[in-house]
C-alpha cells in the first residue's frame, strides 16, 4: 500500500537554507588542559575558528588547530542551532 501512494503525498518541506548572512563568530582557544596528561601531549593548540550564521539559525563553519600531538588539523561543519526560548524561523 505504501508504494501505491502518489508522490505528492510525500512533499518535502522547504529545508534549503537561505543564503543570507546574519552574524559571524570568530573563536580561539586561550587555554588548554588535558584531563589525562601524557608527556607527549602539548597544551598549545593555536585554535582559530570561523562560523557563519543566517537569520534562520542555520550555520556553517571551519576550524584549524594543532591536536594534542602537535599535528595540524582542519574540520568543517554545517548544521542548525536551536536556542531555548527563541522561536524557530523558516
Protein backbone atom coordinates (compact mmCIF):
# COMPACT_ATOMS: atom_id res chain seq x y z
CA UNK A 1 0.00 0.00 0.00
CA UNK A 2 2.84 2.37 0.79
CA UNK A 3 4.26 2.10 -2.73
CA UNK A 4 0.89 2.75 -4.39
CA UNK A 5 0.51 6.24 -2.84
CA UNK A 6 1.07 9.19 -5.17
CA UNK A 7 4.36 11.04 -4.88
CA UNK A 8 2.55 14.26 -3.96
CA UNK A 9 1.61 12.71 -0.61
CA UNK A 10 5.28 12.88 0.35
CA UNK A 11 6.08 16.53 -0.34
CA UNK A 12 9.26 17.57 1.40
CA UNK A 13 9.40 20.77 3.45
CA UNK A 14 11.36 23.72 2.09
CA UNK A 15 14.50 22.97 4.10
CA UNK A 16 17.15 24.57 1.90
CA UNK A 17 18.59 27.41 3.99
CA UNK A 18 18.53 30.93 2.58
CA UNK A 19 21.90 32.30 1.54
CA UNK A 20 21.62 35.27 3.86
CA UNK A 21 24.15 36.39 6.42
CA UNK A 22 23.12 37.30 9.97
CA UNK A 23 26.29 37.17 12.06
CA UNK A 24 29.76 35.63 12.28
CA UNK A 25 31.62 34.08 15.20
CA UNK A 26 35.42 34.03 15.39
CA UNK A 27 36.69 31.72 18.10
CA UNK A 28 40.02 30.76 19.58
CA UNK A 29 41.42 28.72 22.45
CA UNK A 30 43.39 30.70 25.00
CA UNK A 31 43.86 27.83 27.45
CA UNK A 32 44.00 24.06 27.07
CA UNK A 33 44.29 21.45 29.82
CA UNK A 34 44.39 17.69 29.38
CA UNK A 35 42.44 15.76 32.00
CA UNK A 36 44.68 12.72 31.46
CA UNK A 37 48.08 14.32 30.82
CA UNK A 38 50.70 12.46 28.83
CA UNK A 39 54.29 13.61 28.28
CA UNK A 40 53.62 13.53 24.50
CA UNK A 41 50.67 15.97 24.79
CA UNK A 42 51.02 19.63 24.01
CA UNK A 43 48.74 22.27 25.55
CA UNK A 44 49.35 24.81 22.77
CA UNK A 45 46.52 24.21 20.27
CA UNK A 46 46.50 27.56 18.37
CA UNK A 47 42.79 27.10 17.57
CA UNK A 48 41.14 29.53 15.15
CA UNK A 49 37.55 29.06 14.03
CA UNK A 50 35.13 30.96 11.79
CA UNK A 51 31.39 30.29 11.95
CA UNK A 52 28.75 31.92 9.69
CA UNK A 53 25.08 32.13 10.75
CA UNK A 54 21.98 33.00 8.72
CA UNK A 55 18.72 34.51 10.06
CA UNK A 56 17.01 31.06 10.13
CA UNK A 57 19.51 29.58 12.63
CA UNK A 58 21.48 27.60 10.02
CA UNK A 59 25.25 27.72 10.36
CA UNK A 60 28.46 26.59 8.69
CA UNK A 61 31.99 26.77 9.95
CA UNK A 62 35.61 25.75 9.69
CA UNK A 63 38.38 25.48 12.24
CA UNK A 64 42.11 24.89 12.31
CA UNK A 65 44.12 23.78 15.32
CA UNK A 66 47.02 21.59 16.38
CA UNK A 67 45.83 18.45 18.13
CA UNK A 68 47.29 17.02 21.35
CA UNK A 69 50.21 15.51 19.41
CA UNK A 70 51.05 18.81 17.66
CA UNK A 71 49.56 17.67 14.33
CA UNK A 72 47.74 20.29 12.21
CA UNK A 73 44.01 19.53 12.00
CA UNK A 74 41.13 21.02 10.00
CA UNK A 75 37.43 20.41 10.43
CA UNK A 76 34.40 21.69 8.56
CA UNK A 77 30.79 21.52 9.68
CA UNK A 78 27.26 22.69 8.91
CA UNK A 79 24.00 22.42 10.78
CA UNK A 80 21.45 24.35 12.74
CA UNK A 81 21.12 25.85 16.17
CA UNK A 82 18.01 25.59 18.32
CA UNK A 83 18.26 28.24 21.06
CA UNK A 84 15.97 27.73 24.06
CA UNK A 85 13.13 30.24 24.30
CA UNK A 86 13.61 31.51 20.75
CA UNK A 87 11.09 30.53 18.05
CA UNK A 88 12.41 28.51 15.09
CA UNK A 89 12.12 30.57 11.90
CA UNK A 90 11.51 29.22 8.41
